[in-house]
Amino acid sequence: MDKKPNVFARIKNWFVDMKAELKRVVWPSFKKVRQNTLIVLIFVLVVGAVIWVLDWLFSSGIALLINR
């Protein structure tokens, strides 16, 4: 039966593995990050506007039903 390394050795191995993995990451360019951020912001604004319009429509419909 293999004995597990102690907790400090496992933590050290985790950091070594993490550092090696981060060296393999292909980081996006600033231009790509800016483009993706703009896309997300536009999408959030569009979805927010759709939710706002639907909320207004449903509120108006309920108000019409209640006031009858």
N, C-alpha and C. Protein backbone atom coordinates (compact mmCIF):
# COMPACT_ATOMS: atom_id res chain seq x y z
N MET A 1 0.85 -1.19 0.00
CA MET A 1 0.00 0.00 0.00
C MET A 1 0.89 1.24 0.00
N ASP A 2 0.63 2.13 -0.94
CA ASP A 2 1.42 3.36 -1.02
C ASP A 2 0.97 4.34 0.05
N LYS A 3 1.97 4.96 0.66
CA LYS A 3 1.67 5.95 1.68
C LYS A 3 1.53 7.32 1.02
N LYS A 4 0.46 8.06 1.39
CA LYS A 4 0.27 9.39 0.84
C LYS A 4 1.31 10.34 1.41
N PRO A 5 1.79 11.29 0.57
CA PRO A 5 2.72 12.29 1.09
C PRO A 5 2.01 13.17 2.12
N ASN A 6 2.79 13.79 2.98
CA ASN A 6 2.16 14.62 4.01
C ASN A 6 1.49 15.84 3.37
N VAL A 7 0.75 16.55 4.18
CA VAL A 7 -0.09 17.64 3.68
C VAL A 7 0.76 18.75 3.05
N PHE A 8 1.91 19.04 3.61
CA PHE A 8 2.75 20.12 3.06
C PHE A 8 3.33 19.74 1.71
N ALA A 9 3.68 18.48 1.53
CA ALA A 9 4.19 18.01 0.24
C ALA A 9 3.08 18.07 -0.82
N ARG A 10 1.87 17.73 -0.42
CA ARG A 10 0.75 17.79 -1.37
C ARG A 10 0.44 19.23 -1.76
N ILE A 11 0.51 20.16 -0.81
CA ILE A 11 0.28 21.58 -1.12
C ILE A 11 1.37 22.08 -2.06
N LYS A 12 2.62 21.72 -1.78
CA LYS A 12 3.73 22.13 -2.66
C LYS A 12 3.53 21.58 -4.06
N ASN A 13 3.15 20.31 -4.17
CA ASN A 13 2.91 19.71 -5.49
C ASN A 13 1.78 20.41 -6.22
N TRP A 14 0.75 20.81 -5.47
CA TRP A 14 -0.37 21.50 -6.10
C TRP A 14 0.09 22.82 -6.71
N PHE A 15 0.91 23.59 -5.96
CA PHE A 15 1.41 24.86 -6.49
C PHE A 15 2.34 24.65 -7.69
N VAL A 16 3.17 23.63 -7.64
CA VAL A 16 4.07 23.33 -8.77
C VAL A 16 3.23 22.98 -10.00
N ASP A 17 2.23 22.14 -9.82
CA ASP A 17 1.36 21.77 -10.95
C ASP A 17 0.59 22.97 -11.49
N MET A 18 0.11 23.83 -10.58
CA MET A 18 -0.63 25.02 -11.01
C MET A 18 0.27 25.95 -11.82
N LYS A 19 1.50 26.15 -11.37
CA LYS A 19 2.44 27.01 -12.09
C LYS A 19 2.73 26.45 -13.48
N ALA A 20 2.90 25.15 -13.58
CA ALA A 20 3.16 24.52 -14.88
C ALA A 20 1.95 24.67 -15.80
N GLU A 21 0.76 24.53 -15.24
CA GLU A 21 -0.45 24.66 -16.05
C GLU A 21 -0.64 26.09 -16.54
N LEU A 22 -0.34 27.07 -15.68
CA LEU A 22 -0.49 28.47 -16.09
C LEU A 22 0.48 28.86 -17.20
N LYS A 23 1.62 28.17 -17.29
CA LYS A 23 2.56 28.45 -18.38
C LYS A 23 2.00 27.98 -19.72
N ARG A 24 1.07 27.04 -19.71
CA ARG A 24 0.50 26.50 -20.95
C ARG A 24 -0.72 27.30 -21.42
N VAL A 25 -1.21 28.20 -20.59
CA VAL A 25 -2.41 28.97 -20.94
C VAL A 25 -2.08 29.95 -22.06
N VAL A 26 -2.98 30.03 -23.04
CA VAL A 26 -2.85 31.03 -24.10
C VAL A 26 -3.73 32.21 -23.69
N TRP A 27 -3.10 33.29 -23.24
CA TRP A 27 -3.84 34.44 -22.74
C TRP A 27 -4.33 35.28 -23.92
N PRO A 28 -5.58 35.79 -23.86
CA PRO A 28 -6.10 36.61 -24.95
C PRO A 28 -5.41 37.98 -24.98
N SER A 29 -5.41 38.56 -26.16
CA SER A 29 -4.81 39.89 -26.30
C SER A 29 -5.75 40.93 -25.70
N PHE A 30 -5.21 42.12 -25.46
CA PHE A 30 -6.03 43.20 -24.91
C PHE A 30 -7.17 43.55 -25.85
N LYS A 31 -6.90 43.51 -27.15
CA LYS A 31 -7.93 43.82 -28.14
C LYS A 31 -9.09 42.82 -28.05
N LYS A 32 -8.77 41.54 -27.89
CA LYS A 32 -9.79 40.51 -27.80
C LYS A 32 -10.59 40.65 -26.50
N VAL A 33 -9.92 40.97 -25.40
CA VAL A 33 -10.60 41.17 -24.13
C VAL A 33 -11.56 42.35 -24.22
N ARG A 34 -11.09 43.44 -24.82
CA ARG A 34 -11.93 44.63 -24.99
C ARG A 34 -13.15 44.31 -25.86
N GLN A 35 -12.94 43.57 -26.95
CA GLN A 35 -14.03 43.20 -27.84
C GLN A 35 -15.06 42.33 -27.12
N ASN A 36 -14.60 41.34 -26.38
CA ASN A 36 -15.52 40.46 -25.65
C ASN A 36 -16.27 41.22 -24.56
N THR A 37 -15.59 42.14 -23.89
CA THR A 37 -16.24 42.95 -22.86
C THR A 37 -17.34 43.80 -23.47
N LEU A 38 -17.08 44.40 -24.61
CA LEU A 38 -18.08 45.21 -25.30
C LEU A 38 -19.29 44.36 -25.70
N ILE A 39 -19.04 43.16 -26.20
CA ILE A 39 -20.14 42.26 -26.58
C ILE A 39 -20.99 41.92 -25.36
N VAL A 40 -20.36 41.62 -24.24
CA VAL A 40 -21.09 41.27 -23.02
C VAL A 40 -21.91 42.47 -22.54
N LEU A 41 -21.33 43.67 -22.54
CA LEU A 41 -22.07 44.86 -22.09
C LEU A 41 -23.28 45.13 -22.97
N ILE A 42 -23.12 45.01 -24.28
CA ILE A 42 -24.25 45.22 -25.20
C ILE A 42 -25.33 44.19 -24.94
N PHE A 43 -24.93 42.93 -24.76
CA PHE A 43 -25.89 41.87 -24.51
C PHE A 43 -26.65 42.11 -23.21
N VAL A 44 -25.95 42.54 -22.17
CA VAL A 44 -26.58 42.83 -20.89
C VAL A 44 -27.59 43.97 -21.04
N LEU A 45 -27.23 45.00 -21.77
CA LEU A 45 -28.16 46.12 -21.99
C LEU A 45 -29.39 45.68 -22.77
N VAL A 46 -29.21 44.86 -23.79
CA VAL A 46 -30.35 44.39 -24.59
C VAL A 46 -31.26 43.51 -23.74
N VAL A 47 -30.70 42.58 -23.00
CA VAL A 47 -31.52 41.71 -22.15
C VAL A 47 -32.22 42.54 -21.07
N GLY A 48 -31.53 43.51 -20.49
CA GLY A 48 -32.15 44.39 -19.50
C GLY A 48 -33.31 45.16 -20.09
N ALA A 49 -33.15 45.66 -21.32
CA ALA A 49 -34.23 46.40 -21.97
C ALA A 49 -35.43 45.49 -22.25
N VAL A 50 -35.18 44.27 -22.67
CA VAL A 50 -36.27 43.32 -22.93
C VAL A 50 -37.02 43.02 -21.64
N ILE A 51 -36.29 42.77 -20.56
CA ILE A 51 -36.93 42.50 -19.28
C ILE A 51 -37.74 43.72 -18.82
N TRP A 52 -37.20 44.92 -19.00
CA TRP A 52 -37.90 46.14 -18.59
C TRP A 52 -39.22 46.29 -19.37
N VAL A 53 -39.17 46.05 -20.70
CA VAL A 53 -40.37 46.17 -21.52
C VAL A 53 -41.40 45.12 -21.12
N LEU A 54 -40.96 43.88 -20.91
CA LEU A 54 -41.90 42.84 -20.50
C LEU A 54 -42.51 43.15 -19.14
N ASP A 55 -41.71 43.66 -18.22
CA ASP A 55 -42.20 44.03 -16.90
C ASP A 55 -43.26 45.13 -17.02
N TRP A 56 -42.99 46.12 -17.85
CA TRP A 56 -43.94 47.21 -18.06
C TRP A 56 -45.24 46.69 -18.68
N LEU A 57 -45.12 45.80 -19.68
CA LEU A 57 -46.32 45.24 -20.31
C LEU A 57 -47.15 44.44 -19.32
N PHE A 58 -46.52 43.57 -18.56
CA PHE A 58 -47.25 42.75 -17.60
C PHE A 58 -47.86 43.60 -16.49
N SER A 59 -47.12 44.60 -16.04
CA SER A 59 -47.65 45.49 -15.00
C SER A 59 -48.87 46.26 -15.51
N SER A 60 -48.79 46.73 -16.74
CA SER A 60 -49.92 47.45 -17.33
C SER A 60 -51.11 46.52 -17.50
N GLY A 61 -50.86 45.30 -17.94
CA GLY A 61 -51.95 44.34 -18.11
C GLY A 61 -52.62 44.00 -16.79
N ILE A 62 -51.84 43.80 -15.76
CA ILE A 62 -52.41 43.50 -14.44
C ILE A 62 -53.17 44.71 -13.91
N ALA A 63 -52.64 45.91 -14.11
CA ALA A 63 -53.33 47.12 -13.66
C ALA A 63 -54.68 47.27 -14.37
N LEU A 64 -54.74 46.94 -15.66
CA LEU A 64 -56.01 47.01 -16.39
C LEU A 64 -57.00 46.00 -15.84
N LEU A 65 -56.54 44.81 -15.50
CA LEU A 65 -57.44 43.78 -14.96
C LEU A 65 -57.95 44.15 -13.57
N ILE A 66 -57.09 44.74 -12.76
CA ILE A 66 -57.47 45.10 -11.40
C ILE A 66 -58.44 46.27 -11.39
N ASN A 67 -58.25 47.24 -12.27
CA ASN A 67 -59.08 48.45 -12.28
C ASN A 67 -60.43 48.24 -12.92
N ARG A 68 -60.72 47.11 -13.47
CA ARG A 68 -62.03 46.88 -14.10
C ARG A 68 -63.09 46.68 -13.08
